[in-house]
Each structure stands twice: as structure tokens, then as C-alpha cells.
Amino acid sequence: MTKMLNVSIETTGVDANEAKEWVSELANIYADMEVANVNVSGSKISFKAGFSGMDDTEPDDIKMKLEEYITMNEAISAKSINVN
């Protein structure tokens, strides 16, 4: 069973389609990451994320991958990242 955590990223403002594409690409880059329920509203991107088949994923595990991905793919400028 995959443990899914809630992710919320505050940005400086993004295009909704570009942000959804960015989240999809996140799941492609990290093959074991699953994402669902992507929602983009103004400067906030939210979705559920987890690692395939893992039920012991911690918020810091997801946050570390997000920070790494933001560094690699600068399409999103994050003010804050919250995972719970």
C-alpha cells in the first residue's frame, strides 16, 4: 500500500497548465513516486504524493525530492513547501 501525503507549494505565481505539467513530470523523473489530485489555484500548487508500495514514507522524504526537483527544473519558484 502506498502512503500518500498532502503537498502544498506556495509559489510566486504560475500558469495552471504549466504547474500541472510540472507535477506530472515530477512523477516521471522519480519513477517510484506517485502523485494524485493535482490542484492549482493562484500561487498555490497542491497534490498528494507517495512512493509506490511504501507505507512508511515520511514528510521529509517527499520534501527532499521536491526540493531536489525544484533545483533541477526551475519552472516553479517555491516560496514554501509543506508536506503532511
PDB file of N, CA and C in Angstrom:
ATOM      1  N   MET A   1       0.842  -1.187   0.000  1.00  0.00           N
ATOM      2  CA  MET A   1       0.000   0.000   0.000  1.00  0.00           C
ATOM      3  C   MET A   1       0.883   1.245   0.000  1.00  0.00           C
ATOM      4  N   THR A   2       0.509   2.206  -0.799  1.00  0.00           N
ATOM      5  CA  THR A   2       1.262   3.449  -0.899  1.00  0.00           C
ATOM      6  C   THR A   2       0.681   4.480   0.060  1.00  0.00           C
ATOM      7  N   LYS A   3       1.516   4.991   0.936  1.00  0.00           N
ATOM      8  CA  LYS A   3       1.110   6.057   1.854  1.00  0.00           C
ATOM      9  C   LYS A   3       1.217   7.372   1.096  1.00  0.00           C
ATOM     10  N   MET A   4       0.100   8.063   0.960  1.00  0.00           N
ATOM     11  CA  MET A   4       0.067   9.332   0.239  1.00  0.00           C
ATOM     12  C   MET A   4       0.012  10.476   1.244  1.00  0.00           C
ATOM     13  N   LEU A   5       0.870  11.481   1.026  1.00  0.00           N
ATOM     14  CA  LEU A   5       0.927  12.655   1.885  1.00  0.00           C
ATOM     15  C   LEU A   5       0.447  13.880   1.118  1.00  0.00           C
ATOM     16  N   ASN A   6      -0.074  14.853   1.841  1.00  0.00           N
ATOM     17  CA  ASN A   6      -0.537  16.093   1.233  1.00  0.00           C
ATOM     18  C   ASN A   6       0.633  17.043   1.037  1.00  0.00           C
ATOM     19  N   VAL A   7       0.749  17.557  -0.177  1.00  0.00           N
ATOM     20  CA  VAL A   7       1.815  18.501  -0.524  1.00  0.00           C
ATOM     21  C   VAL A   7       1.177  19.835  -0.890  1.00  0.00           C
ATOM     22  N   SER A   8       1.764  20.903  -0.370  1.00  0.00           N
ATOM     23  CA  SER A   8       1.316  22.256  -0.692  1.00  0.00           C
ATOM     24  C   SER A   8       2.553  23.100  -0.972  1.00  0.00           C
ATOM     25  N   ILE A   9       2.599  23.686  -2.159  1.00  0.00           N
ATOM     26  CA  ILE A   9       3.724  24.524  -2.547  1.00  0.00           C
ATOM     27  C   ILE A   9       3.214  25.931  -2.822  1.00  0.00           C
ATOM     28  N   GLU A  10       3.738  26.895  -2.090  1.00  0.00           N
ATOM     29  CA  GLU A  10       3.440  28.312  -2.337  1.00  0.00           C
ATOM     30  C   GLU A  10       4.473  28.822  -3.336  1.00  0.00           C
ATOM     31  N   THR A  11       4.003  29.440  -4.398  1.00  0.00           N
ATOM     32  CA  THR A  11       4.900  29.931  -5.438  1.00  0.00           C
ATOM     33  C   THR A  11       4.746  31.442  -5.599  1.00  0.00           C
ATOM     34  N   THR A  12       5.496  31.978  -6.519  1.00  0.00           N
ATOM     35  CA  THR A  12       5.368  33.400  -6.845  1.00  0.00           C
ATOM     36  C   THR A  12       4.313  33.615  -7.925  1.00  0.00           C
ATOM     37  N   GLY A  13       3.573  32.567  -8.253  1.00  0.00           N
ATOM     38  CA  GLY A  13       2.543  32.628  -9.281  1.00  0.00           C
ATOM     39  C   GLY A  13       2.923  31.766 -10.470  1.00  0.00           C
ATOM     40  N   VAL A  14       2.019  30.930 -10.909  1.00  0.00           N
ATOM     41  CA  VAL A  14       2.291  30.019 -12.013  1.00  0.00           C
ATOM     42  C   VAL A  14       1.068  29.887 -12.910  1.00  0.00           C
ATOM     43  N   ASP A  15       1.324  29.492 -14.129  1.00  0.00           N
ATOM     44  CA  ASP A  15       0.264  29.128 -15.061  1.00  0.00           C
ATOM     45  C   ASP A  15      -0.263  27.759 -14.637  1.00  0.00           C
ATOM     46  N   ALA A  16      -1.562  27.597 -14.535  1.00  0.00           N
ATOM     47  CA  ALA A  16      -2.155  26.349 -14.044  1.00  0.00           C
ATOM     48  C   ALA A  16      -1.733  25.142 -14.878  1.00  0.00           C
ATOM     49  N   ASN A  17      -1.777  25.252 -16.201  1.00  0.00           N
ATOM     50  CA  ASN A  17      -1.403  24.116 -17.046  1.00  0.00           C
ATOM     51  C   ASN A  17       0.078  23.778 -16.899  1.00  0.00           C
ATOM     52  N   GLU A  18       0.914  24.803 -16.820  1.00  0.00           N
ATOM     53  CA  GLU A  18       2.346  24.583 -16.645  1.00  0.00           C
ATOM     54  C   GLU A  18       2.642  23.903 -15.306  1.00  0.00           C
ATOM     55  N   ALA A  19       1.923  24.303 -14.265  1.00  0.00           N
ATOM     56  CA  ALA A  19       2.123  23.706 -12.945  1.00  0.00           C
ATOM     57  C   ALA A  19       1.689  22.237 -12.936  1.00  0.00           C
ATOM     58  N   LYS A  20       0.565  21.926 -13.581  1.00  0.00           N
ATOM     59  CA  LYS A  20       0.103  20.534 -13.639  1.00  0.00           C
ATOM     60  C   LYS A  20       1.091  19.674 -14.423  1.00  0.00           C
ATOM     61  N   GLU A  21       1.626  20.228 -15.490  1.00  0.00           N
ATOM     62  CA  GLU A  21       2.637  19.522 -16.280  1.00  0.00           C
ATOM     63  C   GLU A  21       3.900  19.287 -15.441  1.00  0.00           C
ATOM     64  N   TRP A  22       4.280  20.274 -14.636  1.00  0.00           N
ATOM     65  CA  TRP A  22       5.448  20.183 -13.764  1.00  0.00           C
ATOM     66  C   TRP A  22       5.275  19.034 -12.765  1.00  0.00           C
ATOM     67  N   VAL A  23       4.080  18.903 -12.185  1.00  0.00           N
ATOM     68  CA  VAL A  23       3.815  17.827 -11.225  1.00  0.00           C
ATOM     69  C   VAL A  23       3.841  16.471 -11.930  1.00  0.00           C
ATOM     70  N   SER A  24       3.278  16.387 -13.130  1.00  0.00           N
ATOM     71  CA  SER A  24       3.319  15.130 -13.892  1.00  0.00           C
ATOM     72  C   SER A  24       4.748  14.725 -14.194  1.00  0.00           C
ATOM     73  N   GLU A  25       5.566  15.692 -14.571  1.00  0.00           N
ATOM     74  CA  GLU A  25       6.968  15.415 -14.871  1.00  0.00           C
ATOM     75  C   GLU A  25       7.710  14.954 -13.614  1.00  0.00           C
ATOM     76  N   LEU A  26       7.326  15.473 -12.470  1.00  0.00           N
ATOM     77  CA  LEU A  26       7.900  15.042 -11.192  1.00  0.00           C
ATOM     78  C   LEU A  26       7.727  13.533 -11.020  1.00  0.00           C
ATOM     79  N   ALA A  27       6.537  13.051 -11.313  1.00  0.00           N
ATOM     80  CA  ALA A  27       6.267  11.616 -11.199  1.00  0.00           C
ATOM     81  C   ALA A  27       7.037  10.815 -12.239  1.00  0.00           C
ATOM     82  N   ASN A  28       7.339  11.407 -13.382  1.00  0.00           N
ATOM     83  CA  ASN A  28       8.125  10.720 -14.406  1.00  0.00           C
ATOM     84  C   ASN A  28       9.601  10.662 -14.040  1.00  0.00           C
ATOM     85  N   ILE A  29      10.125  11.737 -13.449  1.00  0.00           N
ATOM     86  CA  ILE A  29      11.531  11.789 -13.067  1.00  0.00           C
ATOM     87  C   ILE A  29      11.831  10.780 -11.957  1.00  0.00           C
ATOM     88  N   TYR A  30      10.961  10.748 -10.956  1.00  0.00           N
ATOM     89  CA  TYR A  30      11.117   9.806  -9.841  1.00  0.00           C
ATOM     90  C   TYR A  30      10.121   8.674 -10.066  1.00  0.00           C
ATOM     91  N   ALA A  31      10.583   7.626 -10.712  1.00  0.00           N
ATOM     92  CA  ALA A  31       9.709   6.543 -11.165  1.00  0.00           C
ATOM     93  C   ALA A  31       8.902   5.900 -10.040  1.00  0.00           C
ATOM     94  N   ASP A  32       9.430   5.935  -8.812  1.00  0.00           N
ATOM     95  CA  ASP A  32       8.702   5.313  -7.711  1.00  0.00           C
ATOM     96  C   ASP A  32       7.719   6.275  -7.034  1.00  0.00           C
ATOM     97  N   MET A  33       7.655   7.521  -7.503  1.00  0.00           N
ATOM     98  CA  MET A  33       6.748   8.490  -6.891  1.00  0.00           C
ATOM     99  C   MET A  33       5.403   8.484  -7.596  1.00  0.00           C
ATOM    100  N   GLU A  34       4.361   8.498  -6.782  1.00  0.00           N
ATOM    101  CA  GLU A  34       3.002   8.588  -7.295  1.00  0.00           C
ATOM    102  C   GLU A  34       2.435   9.941  -6.896  1.00  0.00           C
ATOM    103  N   VAL A  35       1.704  10.570  -7.802  1.00  0.00           N
ATOM    104  CA  VAL A  35       1.025  11.826  -7.486  1.00  0.00           C
ATOM    105  C   VAL A  35      -0.444  11.707  -7.879  1.00  0.00           C
ATOM    106  N   ALA A  36      -1.295  12.411  -7.148  1.00  0.00           N
ATOM    107  CA  ALA A  36      -2.733  12.372  -7.418  1.00  0.00           C
ATOM    108  C   ALA A  36      -3.360  13.686  -6.969  1.00  0.00           C
ATOM    109  N   ASN A  37      -4.548  13.944  -7.463  1.00  0.00           N
ATOM    110  CA  ASN A  37      -5.360  15.087  -7.040  1.00  0.00           C
ATOM    111  C   ASN A  37      -4.626  16.423  -7.146  1.00  0.00           C
ATOM    112  N   VAL A  38      -4.036  16.682  -8.300  1.00  0.00           N
ATOM    113  CA  VAL A  38      -3.304  17.931  -8.508  1.00  0.00           C
ATOM    114  C   VAL A  38      -4.302  19.087  -8.603  1.00  0.00           C
ATOM    115  N   ASN A  39      -4.037  20.141  -7.830  1.00  0.00           N
ATOM    116  CA  ASN A  39      -4.884  21.324  -7.842  1.00  0.00           C
ATOM    117  C   ASN A  39      -3.990  22.557  -7.872  1.00  0.00           C
ATOM    118  N   VAL A  40      -4.280  23.462  -8.789  1.00  0.00           N
ATOM    119  CA  VAL A  40      -3.516  24.705  -8.893  1.00  0.00           C
ATOM    120  C   VAL A  40      -4.500  25.852  -8.738  1.00  0.00           C
ATOM    121  N   SER A  41      -4.210  26.725  -7.774  1.00  0.00           N
ATOM    122  CA  SER A  41      -5.081  27.862  -7.517  1.00  0.00           C
ATOM    123  C   SER A  41      -4.223  29.081  -7.201  1.00  0.00           C
ATOM    124  N   GLY A  42      -4.212  30.041  -8.114  1.00  0.00           N
ATOM    125  CA  GLY A  42      -3.399  31.242  -7.912  1.00  0.00           C
ATOM    126  C   GLY A  42      -1.930  30.909  -7.793  1.00  0.00           C
ATOM    127  N   SER A  43      -1.378  31.133  -6.618  1.00  0.00           N
ATOM    128  CA  SER A  43       0.043  30.858  -6.410  1.00  0.00           C
ATOM    129  C   SER A  43       0.275  29.604  -5.575  1.00  0.00           C
ATOM    130  N   LYS A  44      -0.730  28.723  -5.499  1.00  0.00           N
ATOM    131  CA  LYS A  44      -0.611  27.512  -4.687  1.00  0.00           C
ATOM    132  C   LYS A  44      -0.810  26.258  -5.547  1.00  0.00           C
ATOM    133  N   ILE A  45       0.115  25.314  -5.397  1.00  0.00           N
ATOM    134  CA  ILE A  45       0.017  24.014  -6.051  1.00  0.00           C
ATOM    135  C   ILE A  45      -0.157  22.986  -4.938  1.00  0.00           C
ATOM    136  N   SER A  46      -1.185  22.164  -5.036  1.00  0.00           N
ATOM    137  CA  SER A  46      -1.368  21.124  -4.028  1.00  0.00           C
ATOM    138  C   SER A  46      -1.641  19.794  -4.718  1.00  0.00           C
ATOM    139  N   PHE A  47      -1.180  18.737  -4.091  1.00  0.00           N
ATOM    140  CA  PHE A  47      -1.391  17.388  -4.604  1.00  0.00           C
ATOM    141  C   PHE A  47      -1.031  16.388  -3.515  1.00  0.00           C
ATOM    142  N   LYS A  48      -1.349  15.130  -3.775  1.00  0.00           N
ATOM    143  CA  LYS A  48      -0.955  14.041  -2.889  1.00  0.00           C
ATOM    144  C   LYS A  48       0.237  13.350  -3.529  1.00  0.00           C
ATOM    145  N   ALA A  49       1.203  12.944  -2.702  1.00  0.00           N
ATOM    146  CA  ALA A  49       2.392  12.276  -3.226  1.00  0.00           C
ATOM    147  C   ALA A  49       2.812  11.156  -2.280  1.00  0.00           C
ATOM    148  N   GLY A  50       3.363  10.107  -2.872  1.00  0.00           N
ATOM    149  CA  GLY A  50       3.876   8.984  -2.097  1.00  0.00           C
ATOM    150  C   GLY A  50       4.794   8.158  -2.972  1.00  0.00           C
ATOM    151  N   PHE A  51       5.429   7.178  -2.367  1.00  0.00           N
ATOM    152  CA  PHE A  51       6.323   6.286  -3.093  1.00  0.00           C
ATOM    153  C   PHE A  51       5.662   4.926  -3.237  1.00  0.00           C
ATOM    154  N   SER A  52       5.648   4.393  -4.453  1.00  0.00           N
ATOM    155  CA  SER A  52       4.981   3.143  -4.781  1.00  0.00           C
ATOM    156  C   SER A  52       5.286   2.040  -3.773  1.00  0.00           C
ATOM    157  N   GLY A  53       4.218   1.478  -3.230  1.00  0.00           N
ATOM    158  CA  GLY A  53       4.344   0.323  -2.358  1.00  0.00           C
ATOM    159  C   GLY A  53       4.927   0.594  -0.984  1.00  0.00           C
ATOM    160  N   MET A  54       5.143   1.840  -0.639  1.00  0.00           N
ATOM    161  CA  MET A  54       5.739   2.153   0.666  1.00  0.00           C
ATOM    162  C   MET A  54       4.686   2.732   1.601  1.00  0.00           C
ATOM    163  N   ASP A  55       4.586   2.146   2.782  1.00  0.00           N
ATOM    164  CA  ASP A  55       3.643   2.661   3.763  1.00  0.00           C
ATOM    165  C   ASP A  55       4.349   3.352   4.929  1.00  0.00           C
ATOM    166  N   ASP A  56       5.678   3.560   4.801  1.00  0.00           N
ATOM    167  CA  ASP A  56       6.423   4.219   5.870  1.00  0.00           C
ATOM    168  C   ASP A  56       7.065   5.530   5.405  1.00  0.00           C
ATOM    169  N   THR A  57       6.539   6.110   4.332  1.00  0.00           N
ATOM    170  CA  THR A  57       7.068   7.371   3.812  1.00  0.00           C
ATOM    171  C   THR A  57       6.824   8.491   4.820  1.00  0.00           C
ATOM    172  N   GLU A  58       7.850   9.289   5.045  1.00  0.00           N
ATOM    173  CA  GLU A  58       7.766  10.423   5.959  1.00  0.00           C
ATOM    174  C   GLU A  58       7.712  11.726   5.152  1.00  0.00           C
ATOM    175  N   PRO A  59       7.132  12.780   5.723  1.00  0.00           N
ATOM    176  CA  PRO A  59       7.073  14.061   5.010  1.00  0.00           C
ATOM    177  C   PRO A  59       8.436  14.544   4.510  1.00  0.00           C
ATOM    178  N   ASP A  60       9.485  14.342   5.295  1.00  0.00           N
ATOM    179  CA  ASP A  60      10.815  14.782   4.871  1.00  0.00           C
ATOM    180  C   ASP A  60      11.306  14.042   3.629  1.00  0.00           C
ATOM    181  N   ASP A  61      10.875  12.787   3.434  1.00  0.00           N
ATOM    182  CA  ASP A  61      11.259  12.019   2.243  1.00  0.00           C
ATOM    183  C   ASP A  61      10.722  12.708   0.985  1.00  0.00           C
ATOM    184  N   ILE A  62       9.455  13.098   1.032  1.00  0.00           N
ATOM    185  CA  ILE A  62       8.815  13.767  -0.101  1.00  0.00           C
ATOM    186  C   ILE A  62       9.418  15.160  -0.285  1.00  0.00           C
ATOM    187  N   LYS A  63       9.580  15.903   0.808  1.00  0.00           N
ATOM    188  CA  LYS A  63      10.102  17.270   0.727  1.00  0.00           C
ATOM    189  C   LYS A  63      11.501  17.295   0.117  1.00  0.00           C
ATOM    190  N   MET A  64      12.337  16.320   0.469  1.00  0.00           N
ATOM    191  CA  MET A  64      13.689  16.258  -0.073  1.00  0.00           C
ATOM    192  C   MET A  64      13.659  16.108  -1.597  1.00  0.00           C
ATOM    193  N   LYS A  65      12.796  15.224  -2.101  1.00  0.00           N
ATOM    194  CA  LYS A  65      12.674  15.014  -3.550  1.00  0.00           C
ATOM    195  C   LYS A  65      12.132  16.273  -4.232  1.00  0.00           C
ATOM    196  N   LEU A  66      11.178  16.937  -3.604  1.00  0.00           N
ATOM    197  CA  LEU A  66      10.621  18.163  -4.182  1.00  0.00           C
ATOM    198  C   LEU A  66      11.679  19.256  -4.276  1.00  0.00           C
ATOM    199  N   GLU A  67      12.439  19.437  -3.216  1.00  0.00           N
ATOM    200  CA  GLU A  67      13.496  20.458  -3.236  1.00  0.00           C
ATOM    201  C   GLU A  67      14.541  20.149  -4.302  1.00  0.00           C
ATOM    202  N   GLU A  68      14.879  18.878  -4.439  1.00  0.00           N
ATOM    203  CA  GLU A  68      15.838  18.454  -5.460  1.00  0.00           C
ATOM    204  C   GLU A  68      15.286  18.753  -6.856  1.00  0.00           C
ATOM    205  N   TYR A  69      14.023  18.420  -7.071  1.00  0.00           N
ATOM    206  CA  TYR A  69      13.394  18.619  -8.377  1.00  0.00           C
ATOM    207  C   TYR A  69      13.273  20.109  -8.713  1.00  0.00           C
ATOM    208  N   ILE A  70      12.938  20.927  -7.727  1.00  0.00           N
ATOM    209  CA  ILE A  70      12.831  22.374  -7.955  1.00  0.00           C
ATOM    210  C   ILE A  70      14.183  22.939  -8.378  1.00  0.00           C
ATOM    211  N   THR A  71      15.254  22.420  -7.802  1.00  0.00           N
ATOM    212  CA  THR A  71      16.601  22.853  -8.183  1.00  0.00           C
ATOM    213  C   THR A  71      16.916  22.454  -9.625  1.00  0.00           C
ATOM    214  N   MET A  72      16.493  21.241 -10.027  1.00  0.00           N
ATOM    215  CA  MET A  72      16.760  20.742 -11.382  1.00  0.00           C
ATOM    216  C   MET A  72      15.878  21.416 -12.431  1.00  0.00           C
ATOM    217  N   ASN A  73      14.621  21.640 -12.095  1.00  0.00           N
ATOM    218  CA  ASN A  73      13.644  22.157 -13.044  1.00  0.00           C
ATOM    219  C   ASN A  73      13.109  23.476 -12.501  1.00  0.00           C
ATOM    220  N   GLU A  74      13.613  24.571 -13.014  1.00  0.00           N
ATOM    221  CA  GLU A  74      13.321  25.885 -12.461  1.00  0.00           C
ATOM    222  C   GLU A  74      12.005  26.499 -12.942  1.00  0.00           C
ATOM    223  N   ALA A  75      11.107  25.699 -13.474  1.00  0.00           N
ATOM    224  CA  ALA A  75       9.828  26.221 -13.954  1.00  0.00           C
ATOM    225  C   ALA A  75       8.978  26.763 -12.801  1.00  0.00           C
ATOM    226  N   ILE A  76       9.209  26.242 -11.602  1.00  0.00           N
ATOM    227  CA  ILE A  76       8.464  26.656 -10.417  1.00  0.00           C
ATOM    228  C   ILE A  76       9.420  27.319  -9.436  1.00  0.00           C
ATOM    229  N   SER A  77       9.022  28.465  -8.945  1.00  0.00           N
ATOM    230  CA  SER A  77       9.798  29.157  -7.905  1.00  0.00           C
ATOM    231  C   SER A  77       9.015  29.049  -6.605  1.00  0.00           C
ATOM    232  N   ALA A  78       9.490  28.224  -5.692  1.00  0.00           N
ATOM    233  CA  ALA A  78       8.746  27.955  -4.461  1.00  0.00           C
ATOM    234  C   ALA A  78       9.129  28.913  -3.345  1.00  0.00           C
ATOM    235  N   LYS A  79       8.108  29.498  -2.720  1.00  0.00           N
ATOM    236  CA  LYS A  79       8.301  30.302  -1.513  1.00  0.00           C
ATOM    237  C   LYS A  79       8.362  29.379  -0.300  1.00  0.00           C
ATOM    238  N   SER A  80       7.484  28.367  -0.307  1.00  0.00           N
ATOM    239  CA  SER A  80       7.459  27.405   0.792  1.00  0.00           C
ATOM    240  C   SER A  80       6.912  26.069   0.302  1.00  0.00           C
ATOM    241  N   ILE A  81       7.344  25.001   0.972  1.00  0.00           N
ATOM    242  CA  ILE A  81       6.869  23.654   0.675  1.00  0.00           C
ATOM    243  C   ILE A  81       6.424  23.028   1.991  1.00  0.00           C
ATOM    244  N   ASN A  82       5.187  22.574   2.022  1.00  0.00           N
ATOM    245  CA  ASN A  82       4.662  21.886   3.210  1.00  0.00           C
ATOM    246  C   ASN A  82       4.206  20.493   2.816  1.00  0.00           C
ATOM    247  N   VAL A  83       4.618  19.505   3.593  1.00  0.00           N
ATOM    248  CA  VAL A  83       4.218  18.118   3.352  1.00  0.00           C
ATOM    249  C   VAL A  83       3.706  17.564   4.684  1.00  0.00           C
ATOM    250  N   ASN A  84       2.487  17.018   4.668  1.00  0.00           N
ATOM    251  CA  ASN A  84       1.951  16.380   5.877  1.00  0.00           C
ATOM    252  C   ASN A  84       0.982  15.281   5.542  1.00  0.00           C
TER     253      ASN A  84
END
